[in-house]
Amino acid sequence: MKVFINGEIKEITGEVSLTELLENFSLPRERVAVELNKEVVRKKDWETIRVKDADKIEIVHFVGGG
């Protein structure tokens, strides 16, 4: 199935949770925020929310600095 991640089309196989999606792309859970179809998703819900075909996902990385 195809999903949009940060504006790019990505092909993923089968239905996955948001947590599994982040793991597939080696993204650290501790330093990202996820928006699914224009709604922010709380971290505690990532495991239960399933990614569907044509979903639009925005992943924001938090970067420390000064």
N, C-alpha and C. Protein backbone atom coordinates (compact mmCIF):
# COMPACT_ATOMS: atom_id res chain seq x y z
N MET A 1 0.84 -1.17 0.00
CA MET A 1 0.00 0.00 0.00
C MET A 1 0.89 1.23 0.00
N LYS A 2 0.34 2.34 -0.46
CA LYS A 2 1.09 3.59 -0.54
C LYS A 2 0.56 4.58 0.49
N VAL A 3 1.51 5.23 1.18
CA VAL A 3 1.16 6.29 2.12
C VAL A 3 2.05 7.49 1.81
N PHE A 4 1.63 8.63 2.28
CA PHE A 4 2.41 9.85 2.12
C PHE A 4 3.08 10.16 3.45
N ILE A 5 4.40 10.20 3.44
CA ILE A 5 5.15 10.54 4.65
C ILE A 5 5.95 11.80 4.35
N ASN A 6 5.63 12.85 5.09
CA ASN A 6 6.26 14.16 4.89
C ASN A 6 6.24 14.56 3.42
N GLY A 7 5.11 14.30 2.76
CA GLY A 7 4.91 14.72 1.39
C GLY A 7 5.45 13.77 0.33
N GLU A 8 6.12 12.70 0.73
CA GLU A 8 6.67 11.74 -0.22
C GLU A 8 5.86 10.45 -0.18
N ILE A 9 5.66 9.86 -1.35
CA ILE A 9 4.94 8.59 -1.41
C ILE A 9 5.90 7.48 -1.01
N LYS A 10 5.46 6.66 -0.05
CA LYS A 10 6.25 5.51 0.42
C LYS A 10 5.40 4.26 0.27
N GLU A 11 6.03 3.20 -0.14
CA GLU A 11 5.37 1.91 -0.29
C GLU A 11 5.65 1.09 0.97
N ILE A 12 4.58 0.61 1.60
CA ILE A 12 4.76 -0.27 2.77
C ILE A 12 3.95 -1.54 2.52
N THR A 13 4.42 -2.61 3.11
CA THR A 13 3.74 -3.89 2.91
C THR A 13 2.86 -4.20 4.11
N GLY A 14 1.62 -4.48 3.85
CA GLY A 14 0.69 -4.85 4.91
C GLY A 14 0.30 -3.70 5.80
N GLU A 15 -0.61 -4.01 6.70
CA GLU A 15 -1.10 -3.01 7.65
C GLU A 15 -0.17 -2.97 8.86
N VAL A 16 0.26 -1.77 9.23
CA VAL A 16 1.16 -1.60 10.37
C VAL A 16 0.62 -0.52 11.29
N SER A 17 1.06 -0.56 12.54
CA SER A 17 0.72 0.51 13.48
C SER A 17 1.68 1.67 13.25
N LEU A 18 1.38 2.82 13.84
CA LEU A 18 2.30 3.95 13.73
C LEU A 18 3.65 3.61 14.36
N THR A 19 3.64 2.87 15.46
CA THR A 19 4.88 2.45 16.11
C THR A 19 5.72 1.62 15.16
N GLU A 20 5.09 0.65 14.50
CA GLU A 20 5.81 -0.21 13.56
C GLU A 20 6.34 0.59 12.37
N LEU A 21 5.57 1.56 11.93
CA LEU A 21 5.99 2.41 10.82
C LEU A 21 7.26 3.17 11.19
N LEU A 22 7.29 3.75 12.38
CA LEU A 22 8.48 4.47 12.84
C LEU A 22 9.67 3.53 12.92
N GLU A 23 9.46 2.32 13.42
CA GLU A 23 10.54 1.34 13.51
C GLU A 23 11.06 0.97 12.13
N ASN A 24 10.14 0.80 11.16
CA ASN A 24 10.54 0.44 9.79
C ASN A 24 11.45 1.50 9.17
N PHE A 25 11.26 2.75 9.55
CA PHE A 25 12.08 3.83 9.00
C PHE A 25 13.17 4.28 9.99
N SER A 26 13.41 3.48 11.02
CA SER A 26 14.46 3.73 12.02
C SER A 26 14.37 5.12 12.64
N LEU A 27 13.16 5.53 12.98
CA LEU A 27 12.95 6.82 13.63
C LEU A 27 12.79 6.63 15.14
N PRO A 28 13.51 7.41 15.93
CA PRO A 28 13.42 7.27 17.40
C PRO A 28 12.09 7.80 17.94
N ARG A 29 11.39 6.97 18.69
CA ARG A 29 10.10 7.37 19.26
C ARG A 29 10.21 8.56 20.19
N GLU A 30 11.33 8.67 20.88
CA GLU A 30 11.48 9.69 21.91
C GLU A 30 11.54 11.11 21.35
N ARG A 31 11.96 11.25 20.09
CA ARG A 31 12.21 12.60 19.57
C ARG A 31 11.39 12.95 18.34
N VAL A 32 10.20 12.38 18.22
CA VAL A 32 9.35 12.73 17.08
C VAL A 32 7.91 12.97 17.53
N ALA A 33 7.21 13.73 16.72
CA ALA A 33 5.76 13.91 16.88
C ALA A 33 5.14 13.46 15.57
N VAL A 34 3.93 12.90 15.65
CA VAL A 34 3.28 12.35 14.47
C VAL A 34 1.91 12.99 14.27
N GLU A 35 1.67 13.38 13.02
CA GLU A 35 0.36 13.89 12.61
C GLU A 35 -0.17 12.93 11.55
N LEU A 36 -1.39 12.45 11.73
CA LEU A 36 -2.01 11.52 10.80
C LEU A 36 -3.26 12.18 10.23
N ASN A 37 -3.25 12.38 8.92
CA ASN A 37 -4.38 13.03 8.24
C ASN A 37 -4.80 14.33 8.92
N LYS A 38 -3.79 15.15 9.21
CA LYS A 38 -3.95 16.50 9.77
C LYS A 38 -4.40 16.54 11.23
N GLU A 39 -4.24 15.42 11.95
CA GLU A 39 -4.54 15.40 13.38
C GLU A 39 -3.34 14.85 14.13
N VAL A 40 -2.92 15.57 15.16
CA VAL A 40 -1.79 15.12 15.98
C VAL A 40 -2.22 13.86 16.75
N VAL A 41 -1.32 12.88 16.76
CA VAL A 41 -1.60 11.61 17.44
C VAL A 41 -0.74 11.53 18.69
N ARG A 42 -1.37 11.25 19.83
CA ARG A 42 -0.62 11.10 21.08
C ARG A 42 0.21 9.82 21.05
N LYS A 43 1.39 9.88 21.65
CA LYS A 43 2.29 8.72 21.65
C LYS A 43 1.62 7.47 22.21
N LYS A 44 0.80 7.63 23.21
CA LYS A 44 0.17 6.47 23.82
C LYS A 44 -0.78 5.75 22.86
N ASP A 45 -1.19 6.43 21.77
CA ASP A 45 -2.10 5.83 20.79
C ASP A 45 -1.38 5.24 19.57
N TRP A 46 -0.08 5.45 19.45
CA TRP A 46 0.65 5.00 18.28
C TRP A 46 0.53 3.50 18.05
N GLU A 47 0.53 2.73 19.11
CA GLU A 47 0.51 1.26 18.99
C GLU A 47 -0.82 0.75 18.45
N THR A 48 -1.90 1.44 18.74
CA THR A 48 -3.23 0.94 18.36
C THR A 48 -3.75 1.50 17.04
N ILE A 49 -3.16 2.61 16.58
CA ILE A 49 -3.63 3.21 15.32
C ILE A 49 -2.94 2.52 14.15
N ARG A 50 -3.76 2.03 13.24
CA ARG A 50 -3.26 1.32 12.05
C ARG A 50 -3.17 2.28 10.87
N VAL A 51 -2.07 2.18 10.14
CA VAL A 51 -1.87 2.98 8.95
C VAL A 51 -2.64 2.34 7.80
N LYS A 52 -3.35 3.18 7.06
CA LYS A 52 -4.17 2.69 5.94
C LYS A 52 -3.67 3.28 4.62
N ASP A 53 -4.07 2.65 3.53
CA ASP A 53 -3.68 3.11 2.21
C ASP A 53 -4.07 4.57 2.02
N ALA A 54 -3.16 5.35 1.47
CA ALA A 54 -3.34 6.77 1.14
C ALA A 54 -3.35 7.69 2.36
N ASP A 55 -3.00 7.19 3.56
CA ASP A 55 -2.90 8.06 4.72
C ASP A 55 -1.81 9.09 4.49
N LYS A 56 -2.01 10.27 5.06
CA LYS A 56 -1.02 11.33 5.00
C LYS A 56 -0.42 11.51 6.40
N ILE A 57 0.86 11.24 6.49
CA ILE A 57 1.54 11.24 7.78
C ILE A 57 2.66 12.28 7.75
N GLU A 58 2.69 13.10 8.77
CA GLU A 58 3.77 14.06 8.94
C GLU A 58 4.52 13.67 10.20
N ILE A 59 5.84 13.54 10.08
CA ILE A 59 6.68 13.17 11.22
C ILE A 59 7.66 14.31 11.44
N VAL A 60 7.61 14.86 12.65
CA VAL A 60 8.46 16.01 12.99
C VAL A 60 9.52 15.54 13.98
N HIS A 61 10.78 15.81 13.65
CA HIS A 61 11.89 15.45 14.53
C HIS A 61 12.22 16.64 15.43
N PHE A 62 12.42 16.36 16.72
CA PHE A 62 12.85 17.41 17.64
C PHE A 62 14.36 17.37 17.69
N VAL A 63 14.97 18.54 17.55
CA VAL A 63 16.42 18.62 17.55
C VAL A 63 16.83 19.61 18.63
N GLY A 64 17.76 19.18 19.48
CA GLY A 64 18.26 20.05 20.53
C GLY A 64 19.34 20.97 19.98
N GLY A 65 19.57 22.01 20.68
CA GLY A 65 20.61 22.95 20.24
C GLY A 65 20.55 24.21 21.05
N GLY A 66 21.33 25.14 20.64
CA GLY A 66 21.33 26.38 21.41
C GLY A 66 21.74 27.55 20.61
